[in-house]
Amino acid sequence: MFLKSNSTQKLRWLALTLVGVVGLAILVMHPKEPKLDEAWQSPIEPPGVTIVSQEPQAVVVPAAASTSEAQRQEQSLPSVDKSKPTLAGASHLTPAAVSAIDHAQIRKVLERWSLAWSTRNMDAYFDQYAVSFVPAGGLSRSAWERVRRQRILSKSQITHEMRDLQITLEGDKATANFEQLYATEQTRLVSPKTLRLQREGLSWRIISESSN
C-alpha cells in the first residue's frame, strides 16, 4: 500500500514537471508581442516647448489641359498662309513702301545680270534667268545657253551698261525698259532693251527679253 502510494506521487510530480517544461518552451518560442499602443510613447517635451503633431496634407497638382481643349485653343489662333512668300515685316509696310522694295530688288537683279555679262561669268549670268524663261527664236533653253556661252566667252573683253532704266510693276511681274550699251574690241552698239521679270520666292528672275 505504501509503495503504491509513493509510485503514484512520483508520477504526479513527473507529469507536473513535463507540463512546466512544455509551457516554458512555448513561451520561449512564441514571445508575446507588445501592442502598438503600449509600445509607442509620446516624445518628451522640453520645458517651455510644445510639440504639435500634424498629419501630412496632400499636394494638389493642377491637371494639364486636355487634348480637346488644346485643339480648341489652336483652332482659335489666326491661320497663316505659308504658300505665299512674304517680306519680313511686310504687314506693317504701305503699298508704296512695298513697291519701293520691289523696285530696289529688280534693280539689283539687273545690275547682277549686267555685271555677269561684262565679266563673262556664265554661272551668275544664267542664274538671273527663271526656269520658265522662254528664249527668242524658238530655241530650247539648253540650245540658247550653248549659243550664249559661245558668243560671250569668244570675246576677250565686253562692256555692258544700262541707261535710263524704267521699271513697271504688274503684281508678281515687272517690265524693265532701258537703253543698252554693248561694246567689244570690234563692236559698239547702243539700242533699247526690254526685259520681263517674275517674282520667284523673295527674288526676281528674267522670263523674257527683246531688243529693238
N, C-alpha and C. Protein backbone atom coordinates (compact mmCIF):
# COMPACT_ATOMS: atom_id res chain seq x y z
N MET A 1 0.82 -1.20 0.00
CA MET A 1 0.00 0.00 0.00
C MET A 1 0.85 1.25 0.00
N PHE A 2 1.78 1.26 0.88
CA PHE A 2 2.70 2.42 0.96
C PHE A 2 3.51 2.58 -0.31
N LEU A 3 3.95 1.45 -0.91
CA LEU A 3 4.74 1.51 -2.15
C LEU A 3 3.90 2.01 -3.30
N LYS A 4 2.65 1.60 -3.34
CA LYS A 4 1.76 2.07 -4.43
C LYS A 4 1.50 3.54 -4.32
N SER A 5 1.31 4.05 -3.12
CA SER A 5 1.07 5.49 -2.94
C SER A 5 2.31 6.31 -3.32
N ASN A 6 3.46 5.81 -3.00
CA ASN A 6 4.69 6.52 -3.34
C ASN A 6 4.92 6.57 -4.84
N SER A 7 4.60 5.50 -5.54
CA SER A 7 4.75 5.49 -7.01
C SER A 7 3.79 6.45 -7.67
N THR A 8 2.59 6.52 -7.16
CA THR A 8 1.58 7.45 -7.74
C THR A 8 2.01 8.89 -7.56
N GLN A 9 2.58 9.23 -6.40
CA GLN A 9 3.05 10.59 -6.15
C GLN A 9 4.19 10.98 -7.08
N LYS A 10 5.06 10.03 -7.35
CA LYS A 10 6.17 10.32 -8.26
C LYS A 10 5.67 10.58 -9.68
N LEU A 11 4.66 9.82 -10.09
CA LEU A 11 4.10 10.03 -11.44
C LEU A 11 3.46 11.41 -11.55
N ARG A 12 2.81 11.86 -10.46
CA ARG A 12 2.20 13.19 -10.50
C ARG A 12 3.25 14.29 -10.61
N TRP A 13 4.31 14.15 -9.81
CA TRP A 13 5.39 15.15 -9.90
C TRP A 13 6.06 15.15 -11.27
N LEU A 14 6.19 13.99 -11.83
CA LEU A 14 6.78 13.90 -13.17
C LEU A 14 5.88 14.55 -14.22
N ALA A 15 4.57 14.33 -14.09
CA ALA A 15 3.62 14.96 -15.03
C ALA A 15 3.64 16.48 -14.91
N LEU A 16 3.67 16.98 -13.65
CA LEU A 16 3.71 18.45 -13.47
C LEU A 16 4.99 19.06 -14.03
N THR A 17 6.09 18.30 -13.83
CA THR A 17 7.37 18.80 -14.35
C THR A 17 7.35 18.90 -15.88
N LEU A 18 6.75 17.88 -16.53
CA LEU A 18 6.66 17.91 -18.01
C LEU A 18 5.78 19.06 -18.48
N VAL A 19 4.67 19.29 -17.78
CA VAL A 19 3.79 20.42 -18.16
C VAL A 19 4.52 21.74 -18.02
N GLY A 20 5.30 21.87 -16.94
CA GLY A 20 6.05 23.12 -16.77
C GLY A 20 7.09 23.34 -17.85
N VAL A 21 7.78 22.25 -18.23
CA VAL A 21 8.82 22.37 -19.28
C VAL A 21 8.18 22.74 -20.62
N VAL A 22 7.06 22.10 -20.96
CA VAL A 22 6.37 22.40 -22.23
C VAL A 22 5.88 23.85 -22.26
N GLY A 23 5.34 24.30 -21.14
CA GLY A 23 4.87 25.69 -21.09
C GLY A 23 6.00 26.69 -21.26
N LEU A 24 7.13 26.40 -20.59
CA LEU A 24 8.28 27.30 -20.72
C LEU A 24 8.80 27.32 -22.15
N ALA A 25 8.78 26.14 -22.81
CA ALA A 25 9.24 26.10 -24.21
C ALA A 25 8.32 26.91 -25.12
N ILE A 26 7.03 26.85 -24.86
CA ILE A 26 6.06 27.64 -25.68
C ILE A 26 6.30 29.12 -25.50
N LEU A 27 6.56 29.57 -24.26
CA LEU A 27 6.80 30.98 -24.01
C LEU A 27 8.07 31.46 -24.70
N VAL A 28 9.10 30.60 -24.71
CA VAL A 28 10.37 30.98 -25.35
C VAL A 28 10.21 31.07 -26.86
N MET A 29 9.50 30.11 -27.43
CA MET A 29 9.33 30.08 -28.89
C MET A 29 8.34 31.12 -29.38
N HIS A 30 7.38 31.49 -28.62
CA HIS A 30 6.35 32.46 -29.07
C HIS A 30 6.20 33.54 -28.02
N PRO A 31 7.15 34.51 -28.01
CA PRO A 31 7.03 35.58 -27.01
C PRO A 31 5.84 36.48 -27.31
N LYS A 32 5.31 37.04 -26.36
CA LYS A 32 4.17 37.94 -26.51
C LYS A 32 4.61 39.27 -27.11
N GLU A 33 3.95 39.64 -28.23
CA GLU A 33 4.30 40.90 -28.91
C GLU A 33 3.57 42.05 -28.25
N PRO A 34 4.31 43.12 -28.00
CA PRO A 34 3.64 44.27 -27.37
C PRO A 34 2.74 44.96 -28.37
N LYS A 35 1.63 45.45 -27.90
CA LYS A 35 0.71 46.21 -28.75
C LYS A 35 1.32 47.55 -29.11
N LEU A 36 0.86 48.05 -30.27
CA LEU A 36 1.41 49.34 -30.75
C LEU A 36 1.11 50.45 -29.77
N ASP A 37 -0.09 50.40 -29.22
CA ASP A 37 -0.48 51.49 -28.32
C ASP A 37 0.39 51.47 -27.07
N GLU A 38 0.79 50.20 -26.65
CA GLU A 38 1.60 50.11 -25.45
C GLU A 38 3.07 50.43 -25.72
N ALA A 39 3.56 50.08 -26.99
CA ALA A 39 4.98 50.27 -27.31
C ALA A 39 5.33 51.72 -27.58
N TRP A 40 4.37 52.47 -28.17
CA TRP A 40 4.69 53.86 -28.56
C TRP A 40 4.56 54.77 -27.37
N GLN A 41 5.51 55.65 -27.24
CA GLN A 41 5.46 56.65 -26.19
C GLN A 41 5.59 58.02 -26.82
N SER A 42 4.84 58.94 -26.31
CA SER A 42 4.89 60.30 -26.84
C SER A 42 6.22 60.92 -26.52
N PRO A 43 6.72 61.79 -27.41
CA PRO A 43 8.01 62.44 -27.17
C PRO A 43 7.97 63.30 -25.93
N ILE A 44 9.11 63.34 -25.28
CA ILE A 44 9.21 64.13 -24.06
C ILE A 44 9.42 65.58 -24.44
N GLU A 45 8.58 66.45 -23.96
CA GLU A 45 8.65 67.86 -24.29
C GLU A 45 9.61 68.56 -23.34
N PRO A 46 10.61 69.27 -23.90
CA PRO A 46 11.49 70.07 -23.03
C PRO A 46 10.68 71.16 -22.37
N PRO A 47 11.17 71.70 -21.30
CA PRO A 47 10.46 72.79 -20.61
C PRO A 47 10.26 73.99 -21.54
N GLY A 48 9.02 74.49 -21.60
CA GLY A 48 8.73 75.67 -22.42
C GLY A 48 8.52 75.39 -23.89
N VAL A 49 8.53 74.08 -24.32
CA VAL A 49 8.37 73.72 -25.72
C VAL A 49 7.18 72.82 -25.85
N THR A 50 6.34 73.10 -26.83
CA THR A 50 5.16 72.28 -27.09
C THR A 50 5.31 71.63 -28.43
N ILE A 51 5.25 70.31 -28.50
CA ILE A 51 5.38 69.55 -29.75
C ILE A 51 3.99 69.30 -30.30
N VAL A 52 3.76 69.75 -31.51
CA VAL A 52 2.45 69.60 -32.16
C VAL A 52 2.61 68.64 -33.32
N SER A 53 1.85 67.62 -33.40
CA SER A 53 1.88 66.64 -34.48
C SER A 53 0.80 66.98 -35.49
N GLN A 54 1.16 67.02 -36.73
CA GLN A 54 0.20 67.30 -37.80
C GLN A 54 0.30 66.21 -38.84
N GLU A 55 -0.84 65.83 -39.36
CA GLU A 55 -0.86 64.84 -40.42
C GLU A 55 -0.44 65.49 -41.74
N PRO A 56 0.36 64.82 -42.59
CA PRO A 56 0.76 65.40 -43.88
C PRO A 56 -0.45 65.63 -44.77
N GLN A 57 -0.47 66.77 -45.43
CA GLN A 57 -1.56 67.14 -46.31
C GLN A 57 -1.19 66.84 -47.76
N ALA A 58 -2.15 66.36 -48.50
CA ALA A 58 -1.90 66.04 -49.91
C ALA A 58 -1.72 67.32 -50.72
N VAL A 59 -0.74 67.31 -51.64
CA VAL A 59 -0.46 68.45 -52.52
C VAL A 59 -1.26 68.26 -53.80
N VAL A 60 -2.08 69.26 -54.11
CA VAL A 60 -2.92 69.19 -55.31
C VAL A 60 -2.16 69.77 -56.48
N VAL A 61 -1.91 68.98 -57.52
CA VAL A 61 -1.21 69.41 -58.73
C VAL A 61 -2.24 69.67 -59.81
N PRO A 62 -2.26 70.88 -60.40
CA PRO A 62 -3.25 71.15 -61.46
C PRO A 62 -3.05 70.23 -62.63
N ALA A 63 -4.13 69.68 -63.10
CA ALA A 63 -4.07 68.76 -64.24
C ALA A 63 -3.77 69.52 -65.51
N ALA A 64 -3.00 68.89 -66.42
CA ALA A 64 -2.68 69.52 -67.71
C ALA A 64 -3.94 69.66 -68.54
N ALA A 65 -3.90 70.62 -69.45
CA ALA A 65 -5.05 70.85 -70.32
C ALA A 65 -5.32 69.63 -71.18
N SER A 66 -6.58 69.29 -71.31
CA SER A 66 -6.94 68.12 -72.11
C SER A 66 -6.63 68.35 -73.57
N THR A 67 -6.60 67.25 -74.32
CA THR A 67 -6.28 67.34 -75.75
C THR A 67 -7.32 68.15 -76.49
N SER A 68 -8.60 67.94 -76.13
CA SER A 68 -9.66 68.67 -76.83
C SER A 68 -9.57 70.16 -76.57
N GLU A 69 -9.21 70.54 -75.32
CA GLU A 69 -9.07 71.96 -75.02
C GLU A 69 -7.91 72.57 -75.78
N ALA A 70 -6.75 71.84 -75.89
CA ALA A 70 -5.60 72.34 -76.65
C ALA A 70 -5.95 72.50 -78.12
N GLN A 71 -6.75 71.57 -78.65
CA GLN A 71 -7.15 71.68 -80.04
C GLN A 71 -8.03 72.89 -80.27
N ARG A 72 -8.94 73.16 -79.30
CA ARG A 72 -9.80 74.34 -79.45
C ARG A 72 -8.99 75.62 -79.41
N GLN A 73 -7.97 75.67 -78.54
CA GLN A 73 -7.13 76.87 -78.48
C GLN A 73 -6.34 77.05 -79.77
N GLU A 74 -5.85 75.92 -80.34
CA GLU A 74 -5.09 76.01 -81.59
C GLU A 74 -5.98 76.47 -82.74
N GLN A 75 -7.24 76.00 -82.76
CA GLN A 75 -8.15 76.40 -83.84
C GLN A 75 -8.53 77.86 -83.72
N SER A 76 -8.52 78.41 -82.48
CA SER A 76 -8.89 79.81 -82.31
C SER A 76 -7.80 80.76 -82.78
N LEU A 77 -6.56 80.27 -82.98
CA LEU A 77 -5.48 81.13 -83.44
C LEU A 77 -5.66 81.48 -84.91
N PRO A 78 -5.28 82.68 -85.34
CA PRO A 78 -5.42 83.03 -86.76
C PRO A 78 -4.52 82.19 -87.63
N SER A 79 -5.05 81.73 -88.73
CA SER A 79 -4.29 80.90 -89.65
C SER A 79 -3.35 81.75 -90.50
N VAL A 80 -2.21 81.16 -90.89
CA VAL A 80 -1.22 81.85 -91.71
C VAL A 80 -1.03 81.08 -92.99
N ASP A 81 -1.16 81.76 -94.12
CA ASP A 81 -0.98 81.13 -95.42
C ASP A 81 0.51 81.10 -95.72
N LYS A 82 1.12 79.88 -95.62
CA LYS A 82 2.55 79.73 -95.83
C LYS A 82 2.90 79.51 -97.29
N SER A 83 1.90 79.43 -98.17
CA SER A 83 2.17 79.17 -99.57
C SER A 83 2.67 80.41 -100.30
N LYS A 84 2.40 81.59 -99.73
CA LYS A 84 2.81 82.83 -100.38
C LYS A 84 4.01 83.41 -99.67
N PRO A 85 5.11 83.68 -100.34
CA PRO A 85 6.28 84.29 -99.70
C PRO A 85 6.00 85.72 -99.31
N THR A 86 6.48 86.13 -98.18
CA THR A 86 6.28 87.49 -97.71
C THR A 86 7.59 88.06 -97.24
N LEU A 87 7.70 89.36 -97.32
CA LEU A 87 8.87 90.05 -96.82
C LEU A 87 8.75 90.19 -95.32
N ALA A 88 9.90 90.17 -94.63
CA ALA A 88 9.89 90.32 -93.18
C ALA A 88 9.32 91.69 -92.81
N GLY A 89 8.23 91.69 -92.00
CA GLY A 89 7.61 92.94 -91.60
C GLY A 89 6.78 93.58 -92.68
N ALA A 90 6.42 92.84 -93.74
CA ALA A 90 5.66 93.43 -94.85
C ALA A 90 4.27 93.87 -94.42
N SER A 91 3.71 93.23 -93.37
CA SER A 91 2.36 93.57 -92.94
C SER A 91 2.30 94.99 -92.37
N HIS A 92 3.44 95.55 -92.01
CA HIS A 92 3.48 96.91 -91.45
C HIS A 92 3.88 97.94 -92.51
N LEU A 93 4.07 97.52 -93.77
CA LEU A 93 4.51 98.43 -94.81
C LEU A 93 3.34 98.88 -95.66
N THR A 94 3.43 100.09 -96.12
CA THR A 94 2.41 100.63 -97.02
C THR A 94 2.66 100.11 -98.43
N PRO A 95 1.65 100.14 -99.31
CA PRO A 95 1.87 99.71 -100.70
C PRO A 95 3.01 100.44 -101.38
N ALA A 96 3.18 101.72 -101.06
CA ALA A 96 4.28 102.48 -101.67
C ALA A 96 5.63 101.94 -101.20
N ALA A 97 5.70 101.56 -99.92
CA ALA A 97 6.97 101.02 -99.39
C ALA A 97 7.28 99.67 -100.01
N VAL A 98 6.25 98.80 -100.16
CA VAL A 98 6.46 97.50 -100.80
C VAL A 98 6.90 97.68 -102.24
N SER A 99 6.30 98.63 -102.93
CA SER A 99 6.68 98.91 -104.32
C SER A 99 8.14 99.37 -104.40
N ALA A 100 8.56 100.19 -103.45
CA ALA A 100 9.95 100.67 -103.45
C ALA A 100 10.91 99.50 -103.22
N ILE A 101 10.53 98.57 -102.35
CA ILE A 101 11.39 97.40 -102.10
C ILE A 101 11.49 96.56 -103.36
N ASP A 102 10.35 96.34 -104.05
CA ASP A 102 10.37 95.55 -105.29
C ASP A 102 11.23 96.22 -106.36
N HIS A 103 11.13 97.53 -106.48
CA HIS A 103 11.96 98.25 -107.45
C HIS A 103 13.44 98.06 -107.14
N ALA A 104 13.79 98.15 -105.84
CA ALA A 104 15.20 98.00 -105.45
C ALA A 104 15.69 96.59 -105.74
N GLN A 105 14.87 95.58 -105.48
CA GLN A 105 15.28 94.20 -105.75
C GLN A 105 15.45 93.96 -107.24
N ILE A 106 14.54 94.47 -108.04
CA ILE A 106 14.65 94.29 -109.50
C ILE A 106 15.89 94.99 -110.04
N ARG A 107 16.16 96.17 -109.52
CA ARG A 107 17.36 96.89 -109.97
C ARG A 107 18.63 96.09 -109.65
N LYS A 108 18.67 95.47 -108.46
CA LYS A 108 19.84 94.67 -108.11
C LYS A 108 19.99 93.46 -109.03
N VAL A 109 18.86 92.83 -109.39
CA VAL A 109 18.92 91.70 -110.31
C VAL A 109 19.50 92.13 -111.65
N LEU A 110 19.05 93.26 -112.16
CA LEU A 110 19.55 93.75 -113.45
C LEU A 110 21.02 94.14 -113.37
N GLU A 111 21.43 94.68 -112.24
CA GLU A 111 22.84 95.03 -112.08
C GLU A 111 23.71 93.78 -112.05
N ARG A 112 23.25 92.73 -111.37
CA ARG A 112 24.00 91.47 -111.36
C ARG A 112 24.05 90.86 -112.76
N TRP A 113 22.95 90.95 -113.47
CA TRP A 113 22.89 90.44 -114.84
C TRP A 113 23.88 91.17 -115.75
N SER A 114 23.92 92.51 -115.65
CA SER A 114 24.82 93.30 -116.47
C SER A 114 26.29 93.05 -116.10
N LEU A 115 26.57 92.94 -114.79
CA LEU A 115 27.94 92.69 -114.35
C LEU A 115 28.42 91.31 -114.78
N ALA A 116 27.55 90.31 -114.68
CA ALA A 116 27.93 88.96 -115.10
C ALA A 116 28.22 88.92 -116.59
N TRP A 117 27.46 89.66 -117.37
CA TRP A 117 27.70 89.73 -118.82
C TRP A 117 29.06 90.37 -119.10
N SER A 118 29.35 91.48 -118.41
CA SER A 118 30.61 92.20 -118.64
C SER A 118 31.82 91.39 -118.19
N THR A 119 31.70 90.64 -117.10
CA THR A 119 32.82 89.85 -116.59
C THR A 119 32.84 88.44 -117.17
N ARG A 120 31.86 88.10 -118.00
CA ARG A 120 31.75 86.80 -118.65
C ARG A 120 31.64 85.65 -117.62
N ASN A 121 30.92 85.96 -116.56
CA ASN A 121 30.64 84.96 -115.52
C ASN A 121 29.34 84.25 -115.91
N MET A 122 29.45 83.12 -116.58
CA MET A 122 28.29 82.48 -117.16
C MET A 122 27.34 81.91 -116.10
N ASP A 123 27.88 81.39 -115.00
CA ASP A 123 27.01 80.86 -113.96
C ASP A 123 26.14 81.96 -113.36
N ALA A 124 26.76 83.09 -113.04
CA ALA A 124 25.99 84.21 -112.50
C ALA A 124 25.05 84.78 -113.54
N TYR A 125 25.43 84.77 -114.80
CA TYR A 125 24.60 85.29 -115.89
C TYR A 125 23.32 84.45 -116.03
N PHE A 126 23.47 83.14 -116.12
CA PHE A 126 22.31 82.27 -116.28
C PHE A 126 21.45 82.23 -115.02
N ASP A 127 22.04 82.50 -113.88
CA ASP A 127 21.29 82.46 -112.63
C ASP A 127 20.24 83.56 -112.55
N GLN A 128 20.36 84.61 -113.37
CA GLN A 128 19.38 85.70 -113.34
C GLN A 128 18.14 85.37 -114.19
N TYR A 129 18.16 84.27 -114.88
CA TYR A 129 17.04 83.87 -115.71
C TYR A 129 16.20 82.82 -114.99
N ALA A 130 14.89 82.94 -115.12
CA ALA A 130 13.98 82.00 -114.47
C ALA A 130 14.01 80.65 -115.18
N VAL A 131 13.58 79.63 -114.46
CA VAL A 131 13.48 78.30 -115.07
C VAL A 131 12.47 78.33 -116.21
N SER A 132 11.46 79.18 -116.08
CA SER A 132 10.42 79.30 -117.11
C SER A 132 10.80 80.26 -118.23
N PHE A 133 12.07 80.70 -118.27
CA PHE A 133 12.48 81.64 -119.32
C PHE A 133 12.28 81.02 -120.71
N VAL A 134 11.70 81.83 -121.62
CA VAL A 134 11.44 81.39 -122.99
C VAL A 134 12.38 82.15 -123.93
N PRO A 135 13.37 81.48 -124.51
CA PRO A 135 14.30 82.18 -125.42
C PRO A 135 13.58 82.62 -126.71
N ALA A 136 14.10 83.67 -127.30
CA ALA A 136 13.54 84.13 -128.58
C ALA A 136 14.01 83.22 -129.71
N GLY A 137 13.25 83.23 -130.80
CA GLY A 137 13.63 82.45 -131.99
C GLY A 137 13.27 80.98 -131.90
N GLY A 138 12.48 80.59 -130.88
CA GLY A 138 12.06 79.20 -130.78
C GLY A 138 13.12 78.24 -130.28
N LEU A 139 14.23 78.74 -129.75
CA LEU A 139 15.27 77.86 -129.22
C LEU A 139 14.84 77.25 -127.89
N SER A 140 15.37 76.06 -127.62
CA SER A 140 15.16 75.46 -126.30
C SER A 140 16.10 76.14 -125.30
N ARG A 141 15.84 75.90 -124.04
CA ARG A 141 16.68 76.53 -123.01
C ARG A 141 18.12 76.04 -123.13
N SER A 142 18.34 74.75 -123.32
CA SER A 142 19.69 74.22 -123.42
C SER A 142 20.41 74.74 -124.65
N ALA A 143 19.70 74.82 -125.80
CA ALA A 143 20.31 75.34 -127.02
C ALA A 143 20.65 76.82 -126.87
N TRP A 144 19.76 77.57 -126.25
CA TRP A 144 20.02 79.01 -126.03
C TRP A 144 21.26 79.19 -125.14
N GLU A 145 21.40 78.39 -124.06
CA GLU A 145 22.56 78.52 -123.19
C GLU A 145 23.86 78.21 -123.95
N ARG A 146 23.84 77.21 -124.82
CA ARG A 146 25.05 76.90 -125.60
C ARG A 146 25.43 78.06 -126.50
N VAL A 147 24.45 78.69 -127.17
CA VAL A 147 24.72 79.82 -128.07
C VAL A 147 25.26 81.00 -127.28
N ARG A 148 24.62 81.33 -126.15
CA ARG A 148 25.06 82.48 -125.37
C ARG A 148 26.46 82.24 -124.79
N ARG A 149 26.73 81.05 -124.31
CA ARG A 149 28.05 80.75 -123.76
C ARG A 149 29.14 80.91 -124.82
N GLN A 150 28.88 80.41 -126.03
CA GLN A 150 29.87 80.50 -127.11
C GLN A 150 30.12 81.96 -127.50
N ARG A 151 29.05 82.75 -127.60
CA ARG A 151 29.20 84.15 -128.01
C ARG A 151 29.91 84.98 -126.96
N ILE A 152 29.56 84.82 -125.71
CA ILE A 152 30.14 85.65 -124.65
C ILE A 152 31.59 85.26 -124.38
N LEU A 153 31.88 83.97 -124.29
CA LEU A 153 33.25 83.54 -123.98
C LEU A 153 34.20 83.71 -125.16
N SER A 154 33.67 83.90 -126.34
CA SER A 154 34.55 84.12 -127.51
C SER A 154 35.14 85.52 -127.51
N LYS A 155 34.58 86.43 -126.70
CA LYS A 155 35.09 87.81 -126.61
C LYS A 155 36.09 87.90 -125.47
N SER A 156 37.20 88.56 -125.74
CA SER A 156 38.21 88.73 -124.69
C SER A 156 37.83 89.84 -123.73
N GLN A 157 36.97 90.76 -124.17
CA GLN A 157 36.56 91.88 -123.31
C GLN A 157 35.17 92.35 -123.73
N ILE A 158 34.33 92.60 -122.75
CA ILE A 158 32.96 93.05 -123.01
C ILE A 158 32.63 94.19 -122.06
N THR A 159 31.99 95.21 -122.60
CA THR A 159 31.47 96.31 -121.78
C THR A 159 29.96 96.36 -121.96
N HIS A 160 29.26 96.30 -120.85
CA HIS A 160 27.80 96.37 -120.90
C HIS A 160 27.30 97.35 -119.85
N GLU A 161 26.43 98.29 -120.29
CA GLU A 161 25.88 99.29 -119.39
C GLU A 161 24.39 99.47 -119.66
N MET A 162 23.67 99.92 -118.62
CA MET A 162 22.24 100.23 -118.74
C MET A 162 22.03 101.71 -118.45
N ARG A 163 21.22 102.35 -119.27
CA ARG A 163 20.94 103.78 -119.09
C ARG A 163 19.43 104.00 -119.13
N ASP A 164 19.00 105.02 -118.37
CA ASP A 164 17.57 105.41 -118.35
C ASP A 164 16.68 104.21 -118.00
N LEU A 165 16.99 103.52 -116.92
CA LEU A 165 16.22 102.34 -116.52
C LEU A 165 14.86 102.77 -115.97
N GLN A 166 13.81 102.15 -116.50
CA GLN A 166 12.45 102.38 -116.04
C GLN A 166 11.80 101.02 -115.74
N ILE A 167 11.24 100.88 -114.54
CA ILE A 167 10.66 99.62 -114.08
C ILE A 167 9.17 99.82 -113.84
N THR A 168 8.37 98.95 -114.41
CA THR A 168 6.92 98.98 -114.23
C THR A 168 6.47 97.68 -113.57
N LEU A 169 5.79 97.80 -112.44
CA LEU A 169 5.32 96.63 -111.69
C LEU A 169 3.90 96.28 -112.08
N GLU A 170 3.65 94.98 -112.21
CA GLU A 170 2.32 94.46 -112.52
C GLU A 170 2.07 93.23 -111.65
N GLY A 171 1.83 93.44 -110.34
CA GLY A 171 1.65 92.32 -109.43
C GLY A 171 2.97 91.60 -109.21
N ASP A 172 3.00 90.30 -109.54
CA ASP A 172 4.20 89.50 -109.39
C ASP A 172 5.07 89.51 -110.64
N LYS A 173 4.76 90.39 -111.58
CA LYS A 173 5.57 90.53 -112.79
C LYS A 173 5.98 91.99 -112.95
N ALA A 174 7.05 92.19 -113.70
CA ALA A 174 7.57 93.55 -113.90
C ALA A 174 8.19 93.65 -115.28
N THR A 175 8.22 94.87 -115.81
CA THR A 175 8.85 95.15 -117.10
C THR A 175 9.92 96.20 -116.90
N ALA A 176 11.11 95.91 -117.40
CA ALA A 176 12.24 96.85 -117.30
C ALA A 176 12.63 97.31 -118.70
N ASN A 177 12.56 98.61 -118.94
CA ASN A 177 12.97 99.21 -120.21
C ASN A 177 14.18 100.10 -119.97
N PHE A 178 15.19 99.99 -120.83
CA PHE A 178 16.39 100.80 -120.67
C PHE A 178 17.14 100.84 -122.01
N GLU A 179 18.10 101.74 -122.05
CA GLU A 179 18.98 101.82 -123.20
C GLU A 179 20.24 101.02 -122.89
N GLN A 180 20.60 100.13 -123.80
CA GLN A 180 21.70 99.21 -123.57
C GLN A 180 22.93 99.61 -124.38
N LEU A 181 24.06 99.65 -123.69
CA LEU A 181 25.34 99.89 -124.34
C LEU A 181 26.14 98.60 -124.30
N TYR A 182 26.46 98.09 -125.48
CA TYR A 182 27.23 96.85 -125.59
C TYR A 182 28.44 97.12 -126.47
N ALA A 183 29.65 96.80 -125.95
CA ALA A 183 30.87 97.10 -126.71
C ALA A 183 31.88 95.98 -126.51
N THR A 184 32.56 95.63 -127.60
CA THR A 184 33.69 94.69 -127.58
C THR A 184 34.84 95.35 -128.32
N GLU A 185 35.92 94.55 -128.63
CA GLU A 185 37.05 95.12 -129.35
C GLU A 185 36.65 95.60 -130.75
N GLN A 186 35.69 94.92 -131.38
CA GLN A 186 35.32 95.25 -132.75
C GLN A 186 33.94 95.88 -132.87
N THR A 187 33.11 95.82 -131.81
CA THR A 187 31.71 96.24 -131.92
C THR A 187 31.34 97.22 -130.82
N ARG A 188 30.43 98.14 -131.19
CA ARG A 188 29.86 99.08 -130.22
C ARG A 188 28.42 99.34 -130.62
N LEU A 189 27.49 98.90 -129.76
CA LEU A 189 26.06 99.02 -130.06
C LEU A 189 25.34 99.74 -128.94
N VAL A 190 24.41 100.63 -129.33
CA VAL A 190 23.52 101.28 -128.37
C VAL A 190 22.11 101.07 -128.88
N SER A 191 21.30 100.39 -128.09
CA SER A 191 19.95 100.04 -128.54
C SER A 191 19.02 99.89 -127.35
N PRO A 192 17.69 100.09 -127.58
CA PRO A 192 16.73 99.88 -126.49
C PRO A 192 16.60 98.39 -126.16
N LYS A 193 16.36 98.10 -124.88
CA LYS A 193 16.26 96.71 -124.42
C LYS A 193 15.07 96.60 -123.47
N THR A 194 14.36 95.49 -123.56
CA THR A 194 13.21 95.23 -122.68
C THR A 194 13.36 93.85 -122.05
N LEU A 195 13.27 93.82 -120.75
CA LEU A 195 13.30 92.56 -120.00
C LEU A 195 12.01 92.41 -119.21
N ARG A 196 11.45 91.21 -119.26
CA ARG A 196 10.28 90.89 -118.44
C ARG A 196 10.74 90.01 -117.28
N LEU A 197 10.31 90.36 -116.08
CA LEU A 197 10.73 89.62 -114.88
C LEU A 197 9.52 89.10 -114.12
N GLN A 198 9.77 88.10 -113.32
CA GLN A 198 8.72 87.50 -112.49
C GLN A 198 9.27 87.20 -111.11
N ARG A 199 8.41 87.39 -110.10
CA ARG A 199 8.82 87.13 -108.73
C ARG A 199 8.95 85.62 -108.51
N GLU A 200 10.08 85.21 -107.93
CA GLU A 200 10.30 83.81 -107.55
C GLU A 200 10.76 83.79 -106.10
N GLY A 201 9.84 83.42 -105.21
CA GLY A 201 10.16 83.47 -103.79
C GLY A 201 10.31 84.91 -103.35
N LEU A 202 11.48 85.24 -102.83
CA LEU A 202 11.74 86.62 -102.39
C LEU A 202 12.64 87.36 -103.37
N SER A 203 12.82 86.82 -104.57
CA SER A 203 13.67 87.46 -105.56
C SER A 203 12.91 87.57 -106.88
N TRP A 204 13.61 88.05 -107.89
CA TRP A 204 13.02 88.21 -109.22
C TRP A 204 13.94 87.55 -110.24
N ARG A 205 13.36 87.03 -111.33
CA ARG A 205 14.11 86.38 -112.40
C ARG A 205 13.56 86.83 -113.75
N ILE A 206 14.42 86.80 -114.75
CA ILE A 206 14.05 87.21 -116.12
C ILE A 206 13.30 86.06 -116.79
N ILE A 207 12.14 86.38 -117.39
CA ILE A 207 11.34 85.35 -118.06
C ILE A 207 11.31 85.56 -119.58
N SER A 208 11.67 86.77 -120.05
CA SER A 208 11.77 87.01 -121.50
C SER A 208 12.56 88.28 -121.71
N GLU A 209 13.12 88.44 -122.94
CA GLU A 209 13.89 89.63 -123.30
C GLU A 209 13.74 89.92 -124.79
N SER A 210 13.89 91.19 -125.11
CA SER A 210 13.80 91.59 -126.52
C SER A 210 14.62 92.86 -126.72
N SER A 211 15.17 93.00 -127.93
CA SER A 211 15.97 94.18 -128.29
C SER A 211 15.36 94.78 -129.56
N ASN A 212 15.35 96.12 -129.64
CA ASN A 212 14.82 96.80 -130.82
C ASN A 212 15.95 97.48 -131.59
